[in-house]
N, C-alpha and C. Protein backbone atom coordinates (compact mmCIF):
# COMPACT_ATOMS: atom_id res chain seq x y z
N MET A 1 -5.57 -26.52 -11.60
CA MET A 1 -4.64 -25.67 -12.35
C MET A 1 -4.24 -24.46 -11.51
N GLN A 2 -2.95 -24.20 -11.44
CA GLN A 2 -2.46 -23.06 -10.70
C GLN A 2 -1.97 -21.97 -11.63
N TYR A 3 -2.19 -20.72 -11.22
CA TYR A 3 -1.76 -19.59 -12.02
C TYR A 3 -0.32 -19.23 -11.65
N GLY A 4 0.47 -18.91 -12.67
CA GLY A 4 1.86 -18.57 -12.46
C GLY A 4 2.09 -17.08 -12.36
N LEU A 5 3.36 -16.71 -12.35
CA LEU A 5 3.76 -15.32 -12.17
C LEU A 5 3.28 -14.44 -13.31
N ASP A 6 3.33 -14.92 -14.54
CA ASP A 6 2.88 -14.12 -15.69
C ASP A 6 1.43 -13.72 -15.54
N THR A 7 0.58 -14.67 -15.16
CA THR A 7 -0.84 -14.37 -14.96
C THR A 7 -1.03 -13.36 -13.84
N ALA A 8 -0.25 -13.52 -12.77
CA ALA A 8 -0.35 -12.60 -11.64
C ALA A 8 0.01 -11.17 -12.07
N ILE A 9 1.04 -11.04 -12.89
CA ILE A 9 1.47 -9.72 -13.34
C ILE A 9 0.39 -9.05 -14.19
N TYR A 10 -0.15 -9.80 -15.15
CA TYR A 10 -1.18 -9.23 -16.03
C TYR A 10 -2.44 -8.85 -15.24
N LEU A 11 -2.84 -9.73 -14.33
CA LEU A 11 -4.03 -9.46 -13.53
C LEU A 11 -3.79 -8.25 -12.61
N GLU A 12 -2.60 -8.19 -12.03
CA GLU A 12 -2.27 -7.09 -11.13
C GLU A 12 -2.28 -5.75 -11.87
N ILE A 13 -1.72 -5.72 -13.05
CA ILE A 13 -1.72 -4.47 -13.84
C ILE A 13 -3.14 -4.01 -14.10
N GLY A 14 -4.02 -4.97 -14.47
CA GLY A 14 -5.42 -4.63 -14.72
C GLY A 14 -6.11 -4.10 -13.48
N LEU A 15 -5.90 -4.75 -12.35
CA LEU A 15 -6.53 -4.31 -11.10
C LEU A 15 -6.03 -2.94 -10.67
N MET A 16 -4.74 -2.72 -10.81
CA MET A 16 -4.18 -1.42 -10.43
C MET A 16 -4.70 -0.31 -11.33
N LEU A 17 -4.79 -0.57 -12.63
CA LEU A 17 -5.26 0.45 -13.57
C LEU A 17 -6.72 0.81 -13.30
N VAL A 18 -7.57 -0.21 -13.12
CA VAL A 18 -8.98 0.04 -12.85
C VAL A 18 -9.14 0.80 -11.53
N SER A 19 -8.40 0.38 -10.51
CA SER A 19 -8.48 1.05 -9.20
C SER A 19 -8.01 2.50 -9.29
N TYR A 20 -6.96 2.72 -10.04
CA TYR A 20 -6.44 4.08 -10.23
C TYR A 20 -7.48 4.98 -10.89
N LEU A 21 -8.13 4.46 -11.92
CA LEU A 21 -9.11 5.26 -12.65
C LEU A 21 -10.37 5.52 -11.82
N ILE A 22 -10.80 4.53 -11.07
CA ILE A 22 -12.00 4.71 -10.24
C ILE A 22 -11.71 5.69 -9.10
N CYS A 23 -10.58 5.50 -8.41
CA CYS A 23 -10.26 6.36 -7.27
C CYS A 23 -9.82 7.75 -7.71
N GLY A 24 -9.55 7.92 -9.00
CA GLY A 24 -9.22 9.24 -9.51
C GLY A 24 -10.43 10.13 -9.74
N ILE A 25 -11.63 9.55 -9.65
CA ILE A 25 -12.85 10.35 -9.87
C ILE A 25 -12.95 11.42 -8.78
N PRO A 26 -12.95 12.70 -9.14
CA PRO A 26 -12.95 13.80 -8.15
C PRO A 26 -14.36 14.12 -7.66
N PHE A 27 -14.88 13.29 -6.79
CA PHE A 27 -16.25 13.46 -6.34
C PHE A 27 -16.48 14.82 -5.67
N GLY A 28 -15.51 15.30 -4.90
CA GLY A 28 -15.69 16.60 -4.24
C GLY A 28 -15.91 17.71 -5.24
N LYS A 29 -15.10 17.75 -6.28
CA LYS A 29 -15.23 18.78 -7.30
C LYS A 29 -16.56 18.67 -8.03
N ILE A 30 -16.94 17.44 -8.36
CA ILE A 30 -18.20 17.20 -9.09
C ILE A 30 -19.40 17.62 -8.24
N LEU A 31 -19.40 17.20 -6.97
CA LEU A 31 -20.54 17.48 -6.09
C LEU A 31 -20.66 18.97 -5.76
N ALA A 32 -19.52 19.62 -5.51
CA ALA A 32 -19.56 21.06 -5.21
C ALA A 32 -20.07 21.86 -6.40
N LYS A 33 -19.66 21.46 -7.58
CA LYS A 33 -20.13 22.14 -8.79
C LYS A 33 -21.63 21.91 -9.00
N ARG A 34 -22.07 20.68 -8.75
CA ARG A 34 -23.46 20.32 -9.00
C ARG A 34 -24.42 20.94 -7.99
N PHE A 35 -24.07 20.89 -6.71
CA PHE A 35 -25.02 21.30 -5.67
C PHE A 35 -24.78 22.71 -5.13
N ALA A 36 -23.56 23.20 -5.21
CA ALA A 36 -23.26 24.53 -4.65
C ALA A 36 -22.76 25.50 -5.71
N HIS A 37 -22.58 25.01 -6.93
CA HIS A 37 -22.09 25.86 -8.03
C HIS A 37 -20.76 26.51 -7.67
N LYS A 38 -19.91 25.72 -7.01
CA LYS A 38 -18.59 26.18 -6.60
C LYS A 38 -17.53 25.28 -7.23
N ASP A 39 -16.37 25.87 -7.49
CA ASP A 39 -15.24 25.09 -7.99
C ASP A 39 -14.21 24.96 -6.87
N LEU A 40 -14.09 23.77 -6.31
CA LEU A 40 -13.21 23.58 -5.17
C LEU A 40 -11.75 23.89 -5.49
N GLN A 41 -11.37 23.75 -6.74
CA GLN A 41 -9.99 24.02 -7.10
C GLN A 41 -9.69 25.51 -7.21
N LYS A 42 -10.75 26.33 -7.21
CA LYS A 42 -10.55 27.77 -7.34
C LYS A 42 -10.94 28.55 -6.08
N GLU A 43 -11.44 27.83 -5.07
CA GLU A 43 -11.85 28.49 -3.84
C GLU A 43 -11.27 27.77 -2.63
N GLY A 44 -11.21 28.49 -1.52
CA GLY A 44 -10.67 27.90 -0.30
C GLY A 44 -9.22 27.53 -0.47
N SER A 45 -8.89 26.30 -0.06
CA SER A 45 -7.51 25.82 -0.17
C SER A 45 -7.17 25.31 -1.56
N GLY A 46 -8.20 25.16 -2.41
CA GLY A 46 -7.98 24.62 -3.74
C GLY A 46 -7.98 23.11 -3.79
N ASN A 47 -8.20 22.49 -2.64
CA ASN A 47 -8.20 21.03 -2.54
C ASN A 47 -9.59 20.48 -2.84
N ILE A 48 -9.66 19.26 -3.37
CA ILE A 48 -10.96 18.67 -3.75
C ILE A 48 -11.54 17.78 -2.66
N GLY A 49 -10.91 17.74 -1.50
CA GLY A 49 -11.33 16.83 -0.45
C GLY A 49 -12.42 17.37 0.46
N THR A 50 -12.70 16.61 1.51
CA THR A 50 -13.81 16.89 2.41
C THR A 50 -13.66 18.21 3.14
N THR A 51 -12.46 18.52 3.63
CA THR A 51 -12.26 19.74 4.41
C THR A 51 -12.58 20.98 3.59
N ASN A 52 -12.05 21.04 2.38
CA ASN A 52 -12.33 22.20 1.54
C ASN A 52 -13.78 22.22 1.08
N ALA A 53 -14.37 21.05 0.86
CA ALA A 53 -15.78 20.98 0.51
C ALA A 53 -16.64 21.55 1.64
N LEU A 54 -16.25 21.29 2.89
CA LEU A 54 -16.97 21.83 4.03
C LEU A 54 -16.87 23.35 4.07
N ARG A 55 -15.67 23.86 3.85
CA ARG A 55 -15.45 25.30 3.94
C ARG A 55 -16.10 26.06 2.79
N VAL A 56 -16.08 25.45 1.60
CA VAL A 56 -16.56 26.15 0.41
C VAL A 56 -18.03 25.86 0.10
N ALA A 57 -18.42 24.60 0.22
CA ALA A 57 -19.75 24.19 -0.24
C ALA A 57 -20.70 23.80 0.87
N GLY A 58 -20.21 23.69 2.12
CA GLY A 58 -21.10 23.39 3.23
C GLY A 58 -21.09 21.94 3.66
N PRO A 59 -21.72 21.66 4.81
CA PRO A 59 -21.64 20.32 5.41
C PRO A 59 -22.29 19.21 4.60
N LYS A 60 -23.36 19.50 3.87
CA LYS A 60 -24.02 18.44 3.10
C LYS A 60 -23.12 17.93 1.99
N VAL A 61 -22.55 18.84 1.23
CA VAL A 61 -21.64 18.46 0.16
C VAL A 61 -20.41 17.76 0.74
N ALA A 62 -19.93 18.26 1.88
CA ALA A 62 -18.76 17.66 2.51
C ALA A 62 -19.04 16.22 2.95
N ALA A 63 -20.23 15.99 3.52
CA ALA A 63 -20.59 14.65 3.98
C ALA A 63 -20.68 13.67 2.82
N ILE A 64 -21.28 14.11 1.73
CA ILE A 64 -21.40 13.23 0.55
C ILE A 64 -20.02 12.98 -0.06
N THR A 65 -19.20 14.02 -0.11
CA THR A 65 -17.84 13.87 -0.62
C THR A 65 -17.06 12.86 0.20
N LEU A 66 -17.16 12.98 1.51
CA LEU A 66 -16.49 12.04 2.41
C LEU A 66 -16.94 10.61 2.14
N ALA A 67 -18.25 10.42 2.01
CA ALA A 67 -18.79 9.08 1.79
C ALA A 67 -18.27 8.47 0.48
N PHE A 68 -18.30 9.25 -0.58
CA PHE A 68 -17.86 8.74 -1.88
C PHE A 68 -16.35 8.49 -1.90
N ASP A 69 -15.57 9.37 -1.30
CA ASP A 69 -14.13 9.18 -1.28
C ASP A 69 -13.74 7.96 -0.44
N LEU A 70 -14.46 7.74 0.65
CA LEU A 70 -14.25 6.53 1.43
C LEU A 70 -14.61 5.28 0.63
N LEU A 71 -15.81 5.30 0.06
CA LEU A 71 -16.33 4.11 -0.61
C LEU A 71 -15.50 3.69 -1.81
N LYS A 72 -14.96 4.66 -2.56
CA LYS A 72 -14.21 4.25 -3.75
C LYS A 72 -12.95 3.47 -3.37
N GLY A 73 -12.32 3.87 -2.27
CA GLY A 73 -11.16 3.12 -1.80
C GLY A 73 -11.54 1.75 -1.27
N THR A 74 -12.63 1.72 -0.50
CA THR A 74 -13.08 0.46 0.09
C THR A 74 -13.49 -0.55 -0.97
N VAL A 75 -14.31 -0.11 -1.91
CA VAL A 75 -14.83 -1.01 -2.95
C VAL A 75 -13.69 -1.58 -3.80
N CYS A 76 -12.75 -0.73 -4.18
CA CYS A 76 -11.65 -1.19 -5.03
C CYS A 76 -10.77 -2.22 -4.32
N VAL A 77 -10.45 -1.98 -3.06
CA VAL A 77 -9.59 -2.90 -2.33
C VAL A 77 -10.31 -4.21 -2.03
N ILE A 78 -11.57 -4.14 -1.63
CA ILE A 78 -12.32 -5.37 -1.37
C ILE A 78 -12.44 -6.20 -2.64
N SER A 79 -12.74 -5.56 -3.75
CA SER A 79 -12.86 -6.28 -5.02
C SER A 79 -11.55 -6.94 -5.41
N ALA A 80 -10.45 -6.19 -5.26
CA ALA A 80 -9.14 -6.74 -5.60
C ALA A 80 -8.78 -7.92 -4.69
N LYS A 81 -9.10 -7.80 -3.40
CA LYS A 81 -8.82 -8.90 -2.47
C LYS A 81 -9.59 -10.15 -2.86
N GLN A 82 -10.85 -9.99 -3.23
CA GLN A 82 -11.65 -11.15 -3.62
C GLN A 82 -11.06 -11.85 -4.84
N VAL A 83 -10.60 -11.06 -5.79
CA VAL A 83 -10.01 -11.63 -7.00
C VAL A 83 -8.68 -12.30 -6.69
N LEU A 84 -7.81 -11.60 -5.96
CA LEU A 84 -6.46 -12.10 -5.71
C LEU A 84 -6.43 -13.26 -4.72
N LEU A 85 -7.20 -13.16 -3.66
CA LEU A 85 -7.21 -14.23 -2.66
C LEU A 85 -7.97 -15.46 -3.14
N GLY A 86 -8.85 -15.27 -4.11
CA GLY A 86 -9.63 -16.41 -4.61
C GLY A 86 -8.98 -17.16 -5.75
N ALA A 87 -7.84 -16.68 -6.23
CA ALA A 87 -7.18 -17.32 -7.37
C ALA A 87 -6.25 -18.45 -6.89
N PRO A 88 -6.16 -19.53 -7.66
CA PRO A 88 -5.28 -20.65 -7.30
C PRO A 88 -3.84 -20.38 -7.71
N TRP A 89 -3.16 -19.53 -6.95
CA TRP A 89 -1.81 -19.14 -7.31
C TRP A 89 -0.80 -20.26 -7.05
N ALA A 90 0.21 -20.29 -7.87
CA ALA A 90 1.33 -21.19 -7.63
C ALA A 90 2.10 -20.71 -6.41
N PRO A 91 2.81 -21.60 -5.71
CA PRO A 91 3.59 -21.18 -4.53
C PRO A 91 4.60 -20.09 -4.91
N GLY A 92 4.76 -19.15 -3.99
CA GLY A 92 5.73 -18.10 -4.21
C GLY A 92 5.15 -16.80 -4.74
N ILE A 93 3.87 -16.79 -5.14
CA ILE A 93 3.24 -15.56 -5.62
C ILE A 93 2.93 -14.68 -4.40
N PRO A 94 3.50 -13.50 -4.31
CA PRO A 94 3.33 -12.66 -3.11
C PRO A 94 1.99 -11.91 -3.12
N VAL A 95 0.93 -12.58 -2.73
CA VAL A 95 -0.40 -11.98 -2.78
C VAL A 95 -0.49 -10.74 -1.89
N ASP A 96 0.17 -10.77 -0.73
CA ASP A 96 0.18 -9.60 0.16
C ASP A 96 0.73 -8.37 -0.55
N VAL A 97 1.76 -8.58 -1.36
CA VAL A 97 2.36 -7.48 -2.11
C VAL A 97 1.41 -6.98 -3.19
N LEU A 98 0.73 -7.91 -3.86
CA LEU A 98 -0.21 -7.54 -4.91
C LEU A 98 -1.36 -6.69 -4.35
N ILE A 99 -1.86 -7.07 -3.19
CA ILE A 99 -2.94 -6.31 -2.55
C ILE A 99 -2.45 -4.91 -2.16
N ALA A 100 -1.24 -4.85 -1.60
CA ALA A 100 -0.69 -3.56 -1.20
C ALA A 100 -0.50 -2.64 -2.40
N LEU A 101 -0.10 -3.19 -3.53
CA LEU A 101 0.10 -2.38 -4.73
C LEU A 101 -1.24 -1.83 -5.25
N VAL A 102 -2.29 -2.62 -5.16
CA VAL A 102 -3.61 -2.12 -5.55
C VAL A 102 -4.03 -0.99 -4.63
N ALA A 103 -3.79 -1.15 -3.34
CA ALA A 103 -4.10 -0.08 -2.38
C ALA A 103 -3.35 1.20 -2.73
N LEU A 104 -2.08 1.05 -3.10
CA LEU A 104 -1.29 2.22 -3.48
C LEU A 104 -1.84 2.87 -4.74
N ALA A 105 -2.28 2.05 -5.70
CA ALA A 105 -2.87 2.59 -6.93
C ALA A 105 -4.15 3.38 -6.62
N CYS A 106 -4.92 2.90 -5.66
CA CYS A 106 -6.14 3.62 -5.24
C CYS A 106 -5.77 5.00 -4.71
N LEU A 107 -4.81 5.04 -3.81
CA LEU A 107 -4.41 6.31 -3.21
C LEU A 107 -3.86 7.27 -4.27
N TYR A 108 -3.01 6.75 -5.15
CA TYR A 108 -2.40 7.61 -6.16
C TYR A 108 -3.44 8.09 -7.17
N GLY A 109 -4.49 7.31 -7.39
CA GLY A 109 -5.57 7.78 -8.25
C GLY A 109 -6.23 9.02 -7.67
N HIS A 110 -6.42 9.01 -6.36
CA HIS A 110 -7.06 10.16 -5.71
C HIS A 110 -6.14 11.37 -5.65
N ILE A 111 -4.88 11.16 -5.28
CA ILE A 111 -3.95 12.28 -5.14
C ILE A 111 -3.48 12.81 -6.49
N PHE A 112 -3.29 11.91 -7.44
CA PHE A 112 -2.82 12.30 -8.78
C PHE A 112 -3.90 11.92 -9.81
N SER A 113 -5.04 12.58 -9.71
CA SER A 113 -6.19 12.22 -10.53
C SER A 113 -5.91 12.43 -12.03
N PRO A 114 -6.15 11.41 -12.84
CA PRO A 114 -5.95 11.57 -14.29
C PRO A 114 -6.97 12.50 -14.92
N TYR A 115 -8.03 12.80 -14.18
CA TYR A 115 -9.09 13.67 -14.71
C TYR A 115 -8.84 15.15 -14.38
N LEU A 116 -7.84 15.41 -13.54
CA LEU A 116 -7.54 16.78 -13.12
C LEU A 116 -6.08 17.12 -13.39
N HIS A 117 -5.56 16.60 -14.51
CA HIS A 117 -4.17 16.85 -14.88
C HIS A 117 -3.22 16.41 -13.78
N PHE A 118 -3.56 15.27 -13.16
CA PHE A 118 -2.73 14.63 -12.14
C PHE A 118 -2.61 15.47 -10.86
N ASN A 119 -3.61 16.28 -10.62
CA ASN A 119 -3.79 16.93 -9.32
C ASN A 119 -4.96 16.22 -8.62
N GLY A 120 -5.14 16.49 -7.34
CA GLY A 120 -6.25 15.83 -6.66
C GLY A 120 -6.30 16.19 -5.19
N GLY A 121 -6.79 15.25 -4.38
CA GLY A 121 -6.92 15.47 -2.96
C GLY A 121 -5.66 15.07 -2.21
N LYS A 122 -5.77 15.04 -0.89
CA LYS A 122 -4.61 14.72 -0.05
C LYS A 122 -4.65 13.30 0.49
N GLY A 123 -5.74 12.59 0.24
CA GLY A 123 -5.74 11.15 0.45
C GLY A 123 -6.25 10.61 1.76
N ILE A 124 -6.71 11.45 2.67
CA ILE A 124 -7.12 10.92 3.97
C ILE A 124 -8.39 10.09 3.88
N ALA A 125 -9.45 10.64 3.30
CA ALA A 125 -10.71 9.90 3.23
C ALA A 125 -10.54 8.62 2.41
N THR A 126 -9.92 8.74 1.26
CA THR A 126 -9.70 7.55 0.43
C THR A 126 -8.76 6.57 1.13
N GLY A 127 -7.76 7.11 1.84
CA GLY A 127 -6.85 6.24 2.59
C GLY A 127 -7.56 5.44 3.67
N VAL A 128 -8.47 6.09 4.39
CA VAL A 128 -9.24 5.36 5.41
C VAL A 128 -10.14 4.33 4.74
N GLY A 129 -10.72 4.70 3.59
CA GLY A 129 -11.52 3.74 2.84
C GLY A 129 -10.71 2.53 2.41
N ILE A 130 -9.48 2.77 2.00
CA ILE A 130 -8.57 1.67 1.63
C ILE A 130 -8.35 0.74 2.83
N LEU A 131 -8.14 1.33 3.99
CA LEU A 131 -7.93 0.51 5.19
C LEU A 131 -9.19 -0.27 5.56
N PHE A 132 -10.36 0.32 5.36
CA PHE A 132 -11.60 -0.42 5.59
C PHE A 132 -11.67 -1.64 4.68
N GLY A 133 -11.26 -1.47 3.43
CA GLY A 133 -11.27 -2.59 2.50
C GLY A 133 -10.23 -3.64 2.83
N PHE A 134 -9.10 -3.19 3.37
CA PHE A 134 -8.00 -4.10 3.68
C PHE A 134 -8.25 -4.87 4.97
N PHE A 135 -8.55 -4.14 6.05
CA PHE A 135 -8.78 -4.76 7.37
C PHE A 135 -9.48 -3.72 8.23
N TRP A 136 -10.79 -3.85 8.38
CA TRP A 136 -11.59 -2.76 8.94
C TRP A 136 -11.19 -2.33 10.35
N PRO A 137 -10.69 -3.23 11.24
CA PRO A 137 -10.26 -2.72 12.55
C PRO A 137 -9.14 -1.69 12.45
N LEU A 138 -8.25 -1.84 11.48
CA LEU A 138 -7.20 -0.85 11.27
C LEU A 138 -7.80 0.51 10.91
N ALA A 139 -8.81 0.49 10.06
CA ALA A 139 -9.46 1.74 9.66
C ALA A 139 -10.09 2.43 10.87
N LEU A 140 -10.72 1.66 11.74
CA LEU A 140 -11.34 2.25 12.93
C LEU A 140 -10.29 2.86 13.85
N ILE A 141 -9.15 2.20 13.98
CA ILE A 141 -8.07 2.73 14.82
C ILE A 141 -7.58 4.06 14.25
N HIS A 142 -7.34 4.10 12.95
CA HIS A 142 -6.84 5.33 12.34
C HIS A 142 -7.89 6.43 12.36
N LEU A 143 -9.14 6.05 12.18
CA LEU A 143 -10.21 7.04 12.24
C LEU A 143 -10.32 7.63 13.64
N ALA A 144 -10.16 6.77 14.65
CA ALA A 144 -10.21 7.25 16.03
C ALA A 144 -9.06 8.20 16.33
N ILE A 145 -7.86 7.85 15.86
CA ILE A 145 -6.70 8.74 16.05
C ILE A 145 -6.96 10.09 15.40
N PHE A 146 -7.48 10.05 14.18
CA PHE A 146 -7.76 11.27 13.45
C PHE A 146 -8.78 12.14 14.19
N ILE A 147 -9.89 11.54 14.60
CA ILE A 147 -10.96 12.30 15.25
C ILE A 147 -10.47 12.92 16.56
N VAL A 148 -9.75 12.15 17.36
CA VAL A 148 -9.25 12.66 18.65
C VAL A 148 -8.30 13.84 18.44
N LEU A 149 -7.38 13.70 17.50
CA LEU A 149 -6.42 14.78 17.27
C LEU A 149 -7.08 16.04 16.72
N VAL A 150 -8.05 15.85 15.82
CA VAL A 150 -8.76 17.02 15.28
C VAL A 150 -9.60 17.69 16.37
N ALA A 151 -10.24 16.87 17.20
CA ALA A 151 -11.05 17.44 18.29
C ALA A 151 -10.20 18.22 19.27
N ILE A 152 -8.99 17.73 19.55
CA ILE A 152 -8.12 18.39 20.51
C ILE A 152 -7.50 19.65 19.92
N THR A 153 -6.98 19.53 18.69
CA THR A 153 -6.21 20.64 18.10
C THR A 153 -7.02 21.54 17.20
N ARG A 154 -8.14 21.02 16.67
CA ARG A 154 -8.95 21.69 15.64
C ARG A 154 -8.18 21.89 14.34
N TYR A 155 -7.08 21.18 14.20
CA TYR A 155 -6.34 21.16 12.95
C TYR A 155 -6.60 19.83 12.25
N VAL A 156 -7.31 19.86 11.14
CA VAL A 156 -7.54 18.64 10.37
C VAL A 156 -6.21 18.08 9.89
N SER A 157 -5.29 18.96 9.55
CA SER A 157 -3.99 18.53 9.03
C SER A 157 -3.20 17.73 10.06
N VAL A 158 -3.29 18.09 11.34
CA VAL A 158 -2.57 17.36 12.38
C VAL A 158 -3.07 15.92 12.46
N GLY A 159 -4.39 15.76 12.50
CA GLY A 159 -4.96 14.42 12.53
C GLY A 159 -4.58 13.62 11.29
N SER A 160 -4.60 14.28 10.14
CA SER A 160 -4.29 13.62 8.88
C SER A 160 -2.84 13.16 8.84
N ILE A 161 -1.93 14.04 9.19
CA ILE A 161 -0.50 13.74 9.10
C ILE A 161 -0.10 12.63 10.06
N VAL A 162 -0.56 12.71 11.30
CA VAL A 162 -0.18 11.72 12.30
C VAL A 162 -0.74 10.35 11.95
N THR A 163 -2.02 10.28 11.61
CA THR A 163 -2.61 8.98 11.34
C THR A 163 -2.01 8.35 10.08
N ALA A 164 -1.65 9.17 9.09
CA ALA A 164 -1.02 8.64 7.88
C ALA A 164 0.38 8.12 8.18
N ALA A 165 1.13 8.86 8.98
CA ALA A 165 2.50 8.46 9.30
C ALA A 165 2.55 7.14 10.06
N LEU A 166 1.48 6.82 10.78
CA LEU A 166 1.45 5.60 11.60
C LEU A 166 1.04 4.35 10.82
N VAL A 167 0.66 4.49 9.55
CA VAL A 167 0.17 3.34 8.78
C VAL A 167 1.12 2.15 8.79
N PRO A 168 2.41 2.31 8.46
CA PRO A 168 3.27 1.12 8.45
C PRO A 168 3.39 0.45 9.82
N LEU A 169 3.37 1.25 10.88
CA LEU A 169 3.46 0.69 12.23
C LEU A 169 2.22 -0.14 12.56
N THR A 170 1.04 0.41 12.31
CA THR A 170 -0.19 -0.31 12.66
C THR A 170 -0.38 -1.54 11.77
N VAL A 171 0.00 -1.45 10.50
CA VAL A 171 -0.10 -2.62 9.62
C VAL A 171 0.84 -3.72 10.11
N PHE A 172 2.05 -3.35 10.51
CA PHE A 172 3.01 -4.34 11.01
C PHE A 172 2.51 -4.98 12.30
N ILE A 173 1.94 -4.17 13.19
CA ILE A 173 1.42 -4.71 14.45
C ILE A 173 0.27 -5.67 14.19
N ALA A 174 -0.60 -5.32 13.24
CA ALA A 174 -1.75 -6.17 12.93
C ALA A 174 -1.34 -7.43 12.18
N PHE A 175 -0.31 -7.31 11.32
CA PHE A 175 0.12 -8.43 10.49
C PHE A 175 1.65 -8.57 10.55
N PRO A 176 2.17 -9.06 11.67
CA PRO A 176 3.63 -9.13 11.84
C PRO A 176 4.33 -10.07 10.86
N THR A 177 3.58 -10.99 10.25
CA THR A 177 4.19 -11.93 9.31
C THR A 177 4.00 -11.49 7.86
N LEU A 178 3.48 -10.29 7.66
CA LEU A 178 3.27 -9.79 6.31
C LEU A 178 4.61 -9.68 5.59
N ASP A 179 4.59 -9.92 4.27
CA ASP A 179 5.79 -9.79 3.47
C ASP A 179 6.43 -8.42 3.69
N PRO A 180 7.74 -8.35 3.94
CA PRO A 180 8.40 -7.05 4.17
C PRO A 180 8.19 -6.06 3.04
N LEU A 181 8.12 -6.54 1.81
CA LEU A 181 7.87 -5.64 0.69
C LEU A 181 6.48 -5.04 0.78
N ALA A 182 5.51 -5.83 1.24
CA ALA A 182 4.16 -5.32 1.42
C ALA A 182 4.14 -4.23 2.50
N ILE A 183 4.86 -4.45 3.59
CA ILE A 183 4.96 -3.42 4.64
C ILE A 183 5.56 -2.15 4.07
N ALA A 184 6.60 -2.31 3.23
CA ALA A 184 7.24 -1.14 2.63
C ALA A 184 6.26 -0.37 1.74
N ILE A 185 5.41 -1.09 1.02
CA ILE A 185 4.43 -0.43 0.15
C ILE A 185 3.39 0.29 0.99
N TRP A 186 2.96 -0.32 2.09
CA TRP A 186 2.02 0.36 2.99
C TRP A 186 2.67 1.60 3.60
N ALA A 187 3.97 1.52 3.89
CA ALA A 187 4.68 2.70 4.39
C ALA A 187 4.69 3.80 3.34
N LEU A 188 4.94 3.43 2.09
CA LEU A 188 4.93 4.41 1.00
C LEU A 188 3.55 5.05 0.88
N LEU A 189 2.50 4.24 1.06
CA LEU A 189 1.14 4.76 1.00
C LEU A 189 0.92 5.82 2.08
N GLY A 190 1.25 5.47 3.32
CA GLY A 190 1.03 6.41 4.42
C GLY A 190 1.87 7.66 4.29
N TRP A 191 3.13 7.48 3.91
CA TRP A 191 4.03 8.63 3.84
C TRP A 191 3.77 9.50 2.62
N THR A 192 3.12 8.93 1.61
CA THR A 192 2.68 9.77 0.48
C THR A 192 1.61 10.75 0.94
N VAL A 193 0.74 10.30 1.83
CA VAL A 193 -0.29 11.20 2.37
C VAL A 193 0.38 12.31 3.19
N VAL A 194 1.40 11.95 3.95
CA VAL A 194 2.15 12.97 4.70
C VAL A 194 2.76 13.97 3.72
N TRP A 195 3.37 13.48 2.65
CA TRP A 195 3.96 14.35 1.62
C TRP A 195 2.91 15.27 1.02
N ALA A 196 1.70 14.75 0.80
CA ALA A 196 0.62 15.56 0.22
C ALA A 196 0.23 16.71 1.14
N HIS A 197 0.57 16.59 2.42
CA HIS A 197 0.27 17.64 3.39
C HIS A 197 1.48 18.53 3.67
N ARG A 198 2.46 18.54 2.77
CA ARG A 198 3.68 19.32 3.00
C ARG A 198 3.38 20.81 3.16
N GLY A 199 2.39 21.32 2.43
CA GLY A 199 2.01 22.72 2.58
C GLY A 199 1.44 23.00 3.96
N ASN A 200 0.63 22.04 4.46
CA ASN A 200 0.07 22.18 5.80
C ASN A 200 1.16 22.14 6.86
N ILE A 201 2.15 21.29 6.65
CA ILE A 201 3.27 21.19 7.60
C ILE A 201 3.99 22.53 7.69
N GLY A 202 4.21 23.15 6.54
CA GLY A 202 4.86 24.46 6.52
C GLY A 202 4.05 25.51 7.25
N ARG A 203 2.72 25.49 7.06
CA ARG A 203 1.87 26.48 7.75
C ARG A 203 1.77 26.20 9.24
N LEU A 204 1.79 24.92 9.62
CA LEU A 204 1.78 24.60 11.05
C LEU A 204 3.04 25.13 11.72
N ARG A 205 4.17 24.96 11.05
CA ARG A 205 5.43 25.47 11.60
C ARG A 205 5.42 26.99 11.71
N ALA A 206 4.77 27.63 10.74
CA ALA A 206 4.73 29.09 10.72
C ALA A 206 3.62 29.66 11.59
N GLY A 207 2.73 28.78 12.09
CA GLY A 207 1.62 29.23 12.91
C GLY A 207 0.50 29.87 12.12
N THR A 208 0.43 29.58 10.81
CA THR A 208 -0.60 30.20 9.96
C THR A 208 -1.63 29.19 9.46
N GLU A 209 -1.57 27.97 9.93
CA GLU A 209 -2.53 26.95 9.49
C GLU A 209 -3.93 27.30 10.02
N SER A 210 -4.94 27.15 9.17
CA SER A 210 -6.32 27.46 9.57
C SER A 210 -6.90 26.33 10.41
N LYS A 211 -7.64 26.72 11.42
CA LYS A 211 -8.34 25.74 12.25
C LYS A 211 -9.72 25.47 11.67
N LEU A 212 -10.23 24.29 11.98
CA LEU A 212 -11.54 23.90 11.48
C LEU A 212 -12.62 24.50 12.35
N SER A 213 -13.60 25.15 11.69
CA SER A 213 -14.76 25.68 12.38
C SER A 213 -15.95 24.81 12.05
N PHE A 214 -16.58 24.23 13.06
CA PHE A 214 -17.70 23.34 12.84
C PHE A 214 -19.02 24.07 12.64
N GLY A 215 -19.00 25.38 12.81
CA GLY A 215 -20.26 26.11 12.70
C GLY A 215 -20.35 27.00 11.51
N SER A 216 -19.37 26.95 10.60
CA SER A 216 -19.35 27.86 9.48
C SER A 216 -18.66 27.26 8.29
N LYS A 217 -19.02 27.73 7.10
CA LYS A 217 -18.32 27.32 5.90
C LYS A 217 -16.96 27.95 5.81
N LYS A 218 -16.77 29.05 6.51
CA LYS A 218 -15.53 29.80 6.41
C LYS A 218 -14.48 29.20 7.35
N GLU A 219 -13.24 29.52 7.04
CA GLU A 219 -12.17 29.09 7.90
C GLU A 219 -12.21 29.92 9.18
N ALA A 220 -11.83 29.26 10.28
CA ALA A 220 -11.85 29.98 11.56
C ALA A 220 -10.74 31.02 11.55
């Protein structure tokens, strides 16, 4: 028995909704409040991600935040892939597109968290986690780009913006036969992360962006 388009649509909606809700969990905010008694949305940059967790709550909270934000993207995408790739779909069902849409739902859950009035993080850690779930060599490439750029510039935002902008290119290089709509969705995913860094882009242009200090909770 093969599943048709109707089944694919219903299953996809369910997978996207669950992924959105799971990836919307603001682990940085929860962990900073629990272990450092700090509210990430009211201190530092106001962001709930790893960088602000490092500056406000310290390296331990930041490390745990990073791990959880990575894992939620990875787990959701791997689970969705197992469900979608294991189903006996009828010919013509664009599984590549379905997987890409789940990945996008993961990212949007983190950036537009339903638990924080649709505010959230900027998507880098969760985005890398999504890539680990999708195709781990891609994640390592993007992680390497990020680390090198941050090490050279000491701007987390530079590493984040560049590696996010390159997502559609690296996905296309890795999977040149991927459905064009899937490539477009991966482009939307990467460029949404760039959009989330629009404030950082403005500060970089103005020369007021803060550099990362590895020896202090405070901004350099």
